[in-house]
């Protein structure tokens, strides 16, 4: 029911949903604590490394997901959608 229904008079079945990715990411740049005066500028920023990794998936300016994660919608899904719209109009 959480994927959407047109009415509460019949049971609706969802047969496809958008994908989801869940991950736990850890960025380590040092094996021990170092004073910033000794390592500043030499040690990369963990945040910047993570941002670069995330940018490989999503453009942070537009929110667009990288083309490698896009898929074509199967033709039968279009037919199902049109059939549903027609059924709703009756």
N, C-alpha and C. Protein backbone atom coordinates (compact mmCIF):
# COMPACT_ATOMS: atom_id res chain seq x y z
N UNK A 1 0.81 -1.20 0.00
CA UNK A 1 0.00 0.00 0.00
C UNK A 1 0.85 1.26 0.00
N UNK A 2 2.09 1.19 0.45
CA UNK A 2 2.89 2.40 0.53
C UNK A 2 3.41 2.87 -0.83
N UNK A 3 3.28 2.04 -1.87
CA UNK A 3 3.77 2.45 -3.19
C UNK A 3 2.70 3.18 -3.99
N UNK A 4 1.51 3.28 -3.46
CA UNK A 4 0.45 4.04 -4.13
C UNK A 4 -0.69 3.16 -4.59
N UNK A 5 -1.89 3.64 -4.39
CA UNK A 5 -3.09 2.96 -4.88
C UNK A 5 -4.03 4.01 -5.44
N UNK A 6 -4.87 3.59 -6.35
CA UNK A 6 -5.84 4.53 -6.93
C UNK A 6 -7.15 4.56 -6.15
N UNK A 7 -7.45 3.47 -5.44
CA UNK A 7 -8.65 3.44 -4.62
C UNK A 7 -8.50 2.35 -3.56
N UNK A 8 -9.45 2.26 -2.66
CA UNK A 8 -9.41 1.26 -1.60
C UNK A 8 -10.46 0.17 -1.82
N UNK A 9 -10.98 0.08 -3.05
CA UNK A 9 -12.00 -0.91 -3.37
C UNK A 9 -11.42 -2.21 -3.90
N UNK A 10 -10.13 -2.23 -4.23
CA UNK A 10 -9.49 -3.43 -4.73
C UNK A 10 -8.06 -3.49 -4.22
N UNK A 11 -7.46 -4.66 -4.36
CA UNK A 11 -6.07 -4.84 -3.95
C UNK A 11 -5.17 -4.46 -5.12
N UNK A 12 -4.17 -3.63 -4.84
CA UNK A 12 -3.21 -3.21 -5.85
C UNK A 12 -1.88 -3.90 -5.57
N UNK A 13 -1.23 -4.34 -6.62
CA UNK A 13 0.05 -5.02 -6.49
C UNK A 13 1.12 -4.18 -7.17
N UNK A 14 2.23 -3.97 -6.48
CA UNK A 14 3.36 -3.25 -7.06
C UNK A 14 4.33 -4.29 -7.61
N UNK A 15 4.68 -4.16 -8.90
CA UNK A 15 5.60 -5.16 -9.47
C UNK A 15 6.96 -4.57 -9.82
N UNK A 16 7.15 -3.29 -9.58
CA UNK A 16 8.48 -2.71 -9.76
C UNK A 16 8.57 -1.41 -8.97
N UNK A 17 9.72 -1.21 -8.37
CA UNK A 17 9.99 0.01 -7.62
C UNK A 17 11.35 0.53 -8.02
N UNK A 18 11.59 1.80 -7.75
CA UNK A 18 12.93 2.34 -7.99
C UNK A 18 13.91 1.66 -7.05
N UNK A 19 15.14 1.57 -7.49
CA UNK A 19 16.16 0.91 -6.68
C UNK A 19 16.60 1.74 -5.50
N UNK A 20 17.26 1.08 -4.59
CA UNK A 20 17.79 1.75 -3.42
C UNK A 20 19.16 1.18 -3.11
N UNK A 21 20.03 2.02 -2.64
CA UNK A 21 21.37 1.59 -2.27
C UNK A 21 21.62 2.01 -0.83
N UNK A 22 22.04 1.07 0.00
CA UNK A 22 22.39 1.38 1.39
C UNK A 22 23.82 0.92 1.61
N UNK A 23 24.62 1.76 2.24
CA UNK A 23 26.02 1.41 2.46
C UNK A 23 26.53 2.07 3.73
N UNK A 24 27.50 1.46 4.32
CA UNK A 24 28.25 2.06 5.41
C UNK A 24 29.65 2.31 4.86
N UNK A 25 30.05 3.57 4.86
CA UNK A 25 31.33 3.95 4.26
C UNK A 25 32.23 4.52 5.35
N UNK A 26 33.46 4.08 5.34
CA UNK A 26 34.44 4.59 6.29
C UNK A 26 35.66 5.03 5.48
N UNK A 27 36.10 6.26 5.69
CA UNK A 27 37.27 6.80 4.99
C UNK A 27 38.38 7.00 6.02
N UNK A 28 39.41 6.18 5.92
CA UNK A 28 40.57 6.31 6.81
C UNK A 28 41.72 6.92 6.03
N UNK A 29 42.34 7.94 6.59
CA UNK A 29 43.49 8.56 5.92
C UNK A 29 44.77 8.44 6.74
N UNK A 30 44.65 8.15 8.03
CA UNK A 30 45.82 7.97 8.90
C UNK A 30 45.62 6.73 9.77
N UNK A 31 46.71 6.13 10.17
CA UNK A 31 46.62 5.00 11.08
C UNK A 31 46.79 5.42 12.52
N UNK A 32 47.22 6.66 12.74
CA UNK A 32 47.39 7.18 14.10
C UNK A 32 47.21 8.69 14.08
N UNK A 33 46.92 9.25 15.23
CA UNK A 33 46.72 10.69 15.32
C UNK A 33 48.01 11.46 15.09
N UNK A 34 47.92 12.52 14.29
CA UNK A 34 49.08 13.37 14.00
C UNK A 34 48.67 14.82 14.19
N UNK A 35 49.53 15.62 14.79
CA UNK A 35 49.25 17.04 15.01
C UNK A 35 49.05 17.72 13.65
N UNK A 36 48.06 18.62 13.58
CA UNK A 36 47.74 19.27 12.30
C UNK A 36 48.93 20.04 11.73
N UNK A 37 49.80 20.50 12.59
CA UNK A 37 50.98 21.22 12.10
C UNK A 37 51.96 20.31 11.37
N UNK A 38 51.91 19.03 11.67
CA UNK A 38 52.79 18.07 11.01
C UNK A 38 52.19 17.49 9.73
N UNK A 39 50.87 17.43 9.66
CA UNK A 39 50.24 16.72 8.54
C UNK A 39 49.34 17.60 7.68
N UNK A 40 49.06 18.82 8.10
CA UNK A 40 48.14 19.68 7.35
C UNK A 40 48.63 19.90 5.92
N UNK A 41 47.78 19.65 4.97
CA UNK A 41 48.13 19.81 3.56
C UNK A 41 48.70 18.55 2.96
N UNK A 42 49.27 17.68 3.77
CA UNK A 42 49.83 16.42 3.27
C UNK A 42 48.79 15.32 3.32
N UNK A 43 47.99 15.32 4.38
CA UNK A 43 46.96 14.30 4.56
C UNK A 43 45.69 14.75 3.86
N UNK A 44 45.12 13.93 2.99
CA UNK A 44 43.90 14.32 2.29
C UNK A 44 42.71 14.42 3.25
N UNK A 45 41.75 15.24 2.88
CA UNK A 45 40.53 15.41 3.68
C UNK A 45 39.61 14.20 3.47
N UNK A 46 39.23 13.51 4.56
CA UNK A 46 38.31 12.38 4.41
C UNK A 46 36.98 12.80 3.79
N UNK A 47 36.51 14.01 4.14
CA UNK A 47 35.25 14.49 3.57
C UNK A 47 35.37 14.64 2.06
N UNK A 48 36.47 15.22 1.59
CA UNK A 48 36.64 15.41 0.14
C UNK A 48 36.75 14.08 -0.58
N UNK A 49 37.39 13.11 0.03
CA UNK A 49 37.47 11.77 -0.58
C UNK A 49 36.08 11.18 -0.70
N UNK A 50 35.29 11.26 0.36
CA UNK A 50 33.92 10.73 0.33
C UNK A 50 33.08 11.48 -0.69
N UNK A 51 33.24 12.81 -0.76
CA UNK A 51 32.47 13.59 -1.74
C UNK A 51 32.80 13.14 -3.16
N UNK A 52 34.07 12.88 -3.44
CA UNK A 52 34.47 12.41 -4.77
C UNK A 52 33.86 11.04 -5.08
N UNK A 53 33.83 10.17 -4.08
CA UNK A 53 33.22 8.85 -4.28
C UNK A 53 31.72 8.97 -4.56
N UNK A 54 31.04 9.83 -3.79
CA UNK A 54 29.61 10.02 -4.00
C UNK A 54 29.32 10.68 -5.35
N UNK A 55 30.23 11.54 -5.79
CA UNK A 55 30.05 12.21 -7.08
C UNK A 55 30.12 11.23 -8.24
N UNK A 56 30.68 10.08 -8.03
CA UNK A 56 30.69 9.05 -9.07
C UNK A 56 29.30 8.46 -9.27
N UNK A 57 28.44 8.61 -8.25
CA UNK A 57 27.07 8.09 -8.32
C UNK A 57 26.09 9.20 -8.66
N UNK A 58 26.21 10.35 -7.97
CA UNK A 58 25.25 11.45 -8.12
C UNK A 58 25.98 12.77 -8.26
N UNK A 59 25.53 13.58 -9.23
CA UNK A 59 26.06 14.93 -9.39
C UNK A 59 25.52 15.79 -8.25
N UNK A 60 26.40 16.31 -7.41
CA UNK A 60 25.94 17.06 -6.23
C UNK A 60 25.30 18.39 -6.58
N UNK A 61 25.49 18.89 -7.78
CA UNK A 61 24.88 20.17 -8.17
C UNK A 61 23.48 19.99 -8.75
N UNK A 62 23.28 18.92 -9.50
CA UNK A 62 21.99 18.72 -10.17
C UNK A 62 21.14 17.62 -9.54
N UNK A 63 21.77 16.71 -8.78
CA UNK A 63 21.04 15.58 -8.23
C UNK A 63 20.87 14.45 -9.24
N UNK A 64 21.44 14.62 -10.44
CA UNK A 64 21.31 13.60 -11.48
C UNK A 64 22.14 12.37 -11.13
N UNK A 65 21.53 11.21 -11.26
CA UNK A 65 22.22 9.95 -11.01
C UNK A 65 23.00 9.57 -12.26
N UNK A 66 24.22 9.06 -12.07
CA UNK A 66 25.10 8.71 -13.18
C UNK A 66 24.41 7.75 -14.14
N UNK A 67 24.72 7.90 -15.40
CA UNK A 67 24.09 7.12 -16.47
C UNK A 67 24.26 5.61 -16.27
N UNK A 68 25.35 5.18 -15.65
CA UNK A 68 25.56 3.74 -15.43
C UNK A 68 24.50 3.13 -14.52
N UNK A 69 23.79 3.96 -13.77
CA UNK A 69 22.75 3.46 -12.87
C UNK A 69 21.35 3.56 -13.48
N UNK A 70 21.25 4.01 -14.71
CA UNK A 70 19.97 4.15 -15.39
C UNK A 70 19.65 2.88 -16.17
N UNK A 71 18.39 2.55 -16.27
CA UNK A 71 17.96 1.39 -17.04
C UNK A 71 16.78 1.79 -17.92
N UNK A 72 16.59 1.05 -18.99
CA UNK A 72 15.44 1.27 -19.85
C UNK A 72 14.21 0.62 -19.21
N UNK A 73 13.07 1.29 -19.37
CA UNK A 73 11.82 0.73 -18.87
C UNK A 73 11.35 -0.32 -19.86
N UNK A 74 11.07 -1.55 -19.38
CA UNK A 74 10.61 -2.60 -20.30
C UNK A 74 9.30 -2.21 -20.97
N UNK A 75 9.13 -2.53 -22.25
CA UNK A 75 7.91 -2.16 -22.98
C UNK A 75 6.63 -2.64 -22.31
N UNK A 76 6.66 -3.82 -21.68
CA UNK A 76 5.43 -4.32 -21.05
C UNK A 76 5.00 -3.43 -19.88
N UNK A 77 5.92 -2.71 -19.26
CA UNK A 77 5.54 -1.80 -18.17
C UNK A 77 4.75 -0.61 -18.72
N UNK A 78 5.13 -0.13 -19.91
CA UNK A 78 4.36 0.95 -20.54
C UNK A 78 2.94 0.48 -20.82
N UNK A 79 2.80 -0.73 -21.34
CA UNK A 79 1.46 -1.27 -21.63
C UNK A 79 0.65 -1.36 -20.34
N UNK A 80 1.27 -1.84 -19.26
CA UNK A 80 0.56 -1.93 -17.98
C UNK A 80 0.10 -0.56 -17.51
N UNK A 81 0.93 0.44 -17.70
CA UNK A 81 0.58 1.79 -17.28
C UNK A 81 -0.61 2.32 -18.08
N UNK A 82 -0.56 2.13 -19.40
CA UNK A 82 -1.66 2.60 -20.24
C UNK A 82 -2.95 1.86 -19.93
N UNK A 83 -2.86 0.55 -19.68
CA UNK A 83 -4.04 -0.23 -19.31
C UNK A 83 -4.64 0.28 -18.00
N UNK A 84 -3.78 0.64 -17.04
CA UNK A 84 -4.23 1.14 -15.76
C UNK A 84 -4.94 2.49 -15.93
N UNK A 85 -4.38 3.36 -16.75
CA UNK A 85 -5.00 4.66 -16.99
C UNK A 85 -6.37 4.49 -17.65
N UNK A 86 -6.45 3.58 -18.60
CA UNK A 86 -7.73 3.32 -19.25
C UNK A 86 -8.75 2.77 -18.26
N UNK A 87 -8.32 1.84 -17.38
CA UNK A 87 -9.22 1.26 -16.40
C UNK A 87 -9.71 2.32 -15.41
N UNK A 88 -8.87 3.23 -15.06
CA UNK A 88 -9.26 4.29 -14.14
C UNK A 88 -10.29 5.22 -14.77
N UNK A 89 -10.18 5.43 -16.07
CA UNK A 89 -11.10 6.32 -16.76
C UNK A 89 -12.49 5.76 -16.93
N UNK A 90 -12.68 4.47 -16.72
CA UNK A 90 -14.00 3.85 -16.91
C UNK A 90 -14.95 4.14 -15.80
